[in-house]
């Protein structure tokens, strides 16, 4: 599928993303005020740019950890089978947790991750997602904070890929295939 020629139509500018990340960080900081340490868990690989920008805006004691999941492979459609490819390195029992997700689509990945983390008995779990596609939701799960609600389009950029390409774009764009 990635061999088909495509273009990327900009949906959300780098400037809009930066402003929204700053606003999200303020809301998160207010919500977690007084925490002794916030464990920010990024879901790899799509969240790595977002989490880097977000934690730099947080004026809180922060620890960063990562989970790597897979449900897409090189496809544009979720397989709905979530696999954990890399688990957390640290303990989260009794800790305040912020899960950072690039995009909430069907909800299967986020639900799986939240269920897994809950078995480890954190004090609190909240979710911040850069993007949300509510029209695609198949599982009842919602982020506490959302950057942007988007239509049902396949998007890339700002860490989000299509077959490991386009993560380096500074904006979010919709993939549009060209006629062959």
Protein backbone atom coordinates (compact mmCIF):
# COMPACT_ATOMS: atom_id res chain seq x y z
CA UNK A 1 0.00 0.00 0.00
CA UNK A 2 2.74 2.60 0.69
CA UNK A 3 3.95 2.10 -2.88
CA UNK A 4 0.86 3.90 -4.20
CA UNK A 5 1.65 7.56 -4.95
CA UNK A 6 0.10 9.98 -2.48
CA UNK A 7 0.19 13.59 -1.36
CA UNK A 8 -0.30 15.06 2.07
CA UNK A 9 -2.81 17.85 2.53
CA UNK A 10 -2.05 19.99 5.59
CA UNK A 11 -4.85 19.85 8.18
CA UNK A 12 -3.28 21.34 11.32
CA UNK A 13 -0.32 23.72 11.14
CA UNK A 14 2.80 23.47 13.26
CA UNK A 15 1.89 26.83 14.82
CA UNK A 16 -1.59 25.59 15.80
CA UNK A 17 -0.09 22.43 17.29
CA UNK A 18 2.43 24.40 19.36
CA UNK A 19 -0.28 26.68 20.74
CA UNK A 20 -2.54 23.74 21.61
CA UNK A 21 0.30 21.81 23.30
CA UNK A 22 1.01 24.84 25.49
CA UNK A 23 -2.67 25.11 26.45
CA UNK A 24 -2.93 21.37 27.19
CA UNK A 25 0.15 21.54 29.41
CA UNK A 26 -1.43 24.33 31.47
CA UNK A 27 -4.62 22.29 31.97
CA UNK A 28 -2.63 19.17 32.90
CA UNK A 29 -0.40 21.12 35.25
CA UNK A 30 -3.45 22.53 37.06
CA UNK A 31 -5.04 19.08 37.34
CA UNK A 32 -1.90 17.43 38.72
CA UNK A 33 -0.87 20.35 40.98
CA UNK A 34 0.71 19.00 44.14
CA UNK A 35 1.84 15.66 42.70
CA UNK A 36 5.22 14.50 43.99
CA UNK A 37 6.03 13.04 40.57
CA UNK A 38 3.94 12.62 37.44
CA UNK A 39 4.80 9.57 35.35
CA UNK A 40 4.16 10.51 31.74
CA UNK A 41 3.80 7.39 29.59
CA UNK A 42 4.14 7.84 25.87
CA UNK A 43 2.65 5.30 23.51
CA UNK A 44 5.30 4.67 20.89
CA UNK A 45 5.99 5.37 18.25
CA UNK A 46 3.44 7.96 17.19
CA UNK A 47 3.50 10.03 20.39
CA UNK A 48 7.24 10.69 20.63
CA UNK A 49 7.18 14.23 19.18
CA UNK A 50 4.04 15.18 21.10
CA UNK A 51 5.33 13.85 24.42
CA UNK A 52 8.65 15.68 24.00
CA UNK A 53 6.91 18.99 23.39
CA UNK A 54 4.31 18.40 26.12
CA UNK A 55 6.71 17.53 28.95
CA UNK A 56 8.88 20.56 28.19
CA UNK A 57 5.82 22.72 28.86
CA UNK A 58 5.01 21.06 32.20
CA UNK A 59 6.26 22.77 35.35
CA UNK A 60 5.89 19.61 37.46
CA UNK A 61 8.25 16.88 38.66
CA UNK A 62 8.02 14.49 35.71
CA UNK A 63 9.30 11.02 34.92
CA UNK A 64 8.94 9.77 31.34
CA UNK A 65 8.44 6.16 30.34
CA UNK A 66 7.20 4.46 27.20
CA UNK A 67 5.01 1.60 26.05
CA UNK A 68 5.17 0.43 22.47
CA UNK A 69 2.04 -1.08 21.03
CA UNK A 70 1.09 -2.30 17.60
CA UNK A 71 -2.30 -2.59 15.95
CA UNK A 72 -1.68 -1.13 12.48
CA UNK A 73 1.56 -2.54 11.06
CA UNK A 74 1.94 -1.02 7.59
CA UNK A 75 -1.81 -0.83 7.05
CA UNK A 76 -4.14 2.15 7.13
CA UNK A 77 -6.68 0.13 9.15
CA UNK A 78 -6.36 -1.08 12.73
CA UNK A 79 -6.23 -4.85 13.12
CA UNK A 80 -7.98 -4.39 16.49
CA UNK A 81 -5.45 -6.82 17.93
CA UNK A 82 -3.21 -4.87 20.28
CA UNK A 83 0.25 -6.21 21.01
CA UNK A 84 2.65 -4.79 23.59
CA UNK A 85 6.08 -4.60 21.92
CA UNK A 86 7.87 -2.68 24.71
CA UNK A 87 6.73 -2.50 28.31
CA UNK A 88 7.40 0.14 30.96
CA UNK A 89 10.77 0.16 32.70
CA UNK A 90 9.55 1.70 35.93
CA UNK A 91 6.97 0.87 38.57
CA UNK A 92 3.71 2.82 38.61
CA UNK A 93 1.97 1.49 41.72
CA UNK A 94 0.58 4.37 43.77
CA UNK A 95 1.79 6.94 41.22
CA UNK A 96 0.02 9.62 39.19
CA UNK A 97 0.00 8.60 35.52
CA UNK A 98 -0.54 10.59 32.34
CA UNK A 99 -0.82 8.41 29.23
CA UNK A 100 0.10 10.37 26.10
CA UNK A 101 -1.39 9.06 22.86
CA UNK A 102 -0.98 10.41 19.34
CA UNK A 103 -4.49 9.55 18.13
CA UNK A 104 -7.58 7.87 19.54
CA UNK A 105 -9.24 6.09 16.65
CA UNK A 106 -11.24 2.90 17.27
CA UNK A 107 -10.19 3.05 20.93
CA UNK A 108 -8.94 -0.55 21.07
CA UNK A 109 -5.28 0.35 21.73
CA UNK A 110 -6.05 2.93 24.41
CA UNK A 111 -8.55 0.64 26.17
CA UNK A 112 -6.04 -2.22 26.16
CA UNK A 113 -3.30 0.02 27.58
CA UNK A 114 -5.55 1.52 30.27
CA UNK A 115 -6.72 -1.94 31.34
CA UNK A 116 -3.11 -3.15 31.51
CA UNK A 117 -1.94 -0.14 33.52
CA UNK A 118 -4.88 -0.41 35.94
CA UNK A 119 -3.66 -3.89 36.96
CA UNK A 120 -0.49 -2.19 38.24
CA UNK A 121 -2.48 -0.09 40.74
CA UNK A 122 -1.51 3.51 39.99
CA UNK A 123 -3.05 6.20 42.19
CA UNK A 124 -4.55 8.00 39.18
CA UNK A 125 -4.57 7.53 35.38
CA UNK A 126 -5.47 10.30 32.94
CA UNK A 127 -5.05 10.46 29.17
CA UNK A 128 -3.92 13.22 26.84
CA UNK A 129 -4.38 12.58 23.12
CA UNK A 130 -3.17 14.89 20.40
CA UNK A 131 -5.90 13.80 17.98
CA UNK A 132 -9.33 12.23 18.35
CA UNK A 133 -11.50 10.62 15.67
CA UNK A 134 -14.77 10.09 17.57
CA UNK A 135 -16.64 8.88 14.47
CA UNK A 136 -14.36 5.81 14.36
CA UNK A 137 -14.83 4.80 18.02
CA UNK A 138 -15.67 1.13 18.58
CA UNK A 139 -14.74 0.98 22.28
CA UNK A 140 -16.06 3.24 25.04
CA UNK A 141 -12.88 5.14 25.90
CA UNK A 142 -12.15 8.86 26.00
CA UNK A 143 -9.11 11.01 26.62
CA UNK A 144 -9.20 13.43 29.54
CA UNK A 145 -7.56 16.07 27.33
CA UNK A 146 -7.64 16.21 23.54
CA UNK A 147 -5.65 18.47 21.26
CA UNK A 148 -7.80 18.34 18.15
CA UNK A 149 -10.88 16.46 17.01
CA UNK A 150 -10.45 15.41 13.38
CA UNK A 151 -12.61 13.78 10.69
CA UNK A 152 -12.15 10.19 9.57
CA UNK A 153 -9.02 10.71 7.46
CA UNK A 154 -5.71 8.89 7.59
CA UNK A 155 -3.22 11.41 8.96
CA UNK A 156 0.55 11.72 9.22
CA UNK A 157 3.12 14.12 10.62
CA UNK A 158 4.23 15.35 14.03
CA UNK A 159 5.35 11.81 14.90
CA UNK A 160 2.51 9.94 13.18
CA UNK A 161 3.51 7.73 10.28
CA UNK A 162 2.27 5.89 7.23
CA UNK A 163 4.41 2.73 6.88
CA UNK A 164 7.21 4.45 8.87
CA UNK A 165 7.21 7.54 6.64
CA UNK A 166 6.25 11.18 7.26
CA UNK A 167 6.84 11.22 11.05
CA UNK A 168 9.18 14.18 10.58
CA UNK A 169 6.57 16.59 9.20
CA UNK A 170 6.05 19.56 11.57
CA UNK A 171 2.30 19.62 10.89
CA UNK A 172 -0.58 17.12 10.71
CA UNK A 173 -1.66 16.24 7.19
CA UNK A 174 -4.20 13.97 5.56
CA UNK A 175 -2.95 11.29 3.17
CA UNK A 176 -4.61 11.49 -0.24
CA UNK A 177 -3.82 8.84 -2.83
CA UNK A 178 -3.29 9.93 -6.41
CA UNK A 179 -5.02 8.17 -9.25
CA UNK A 180 -2.67 5.81 -11.05
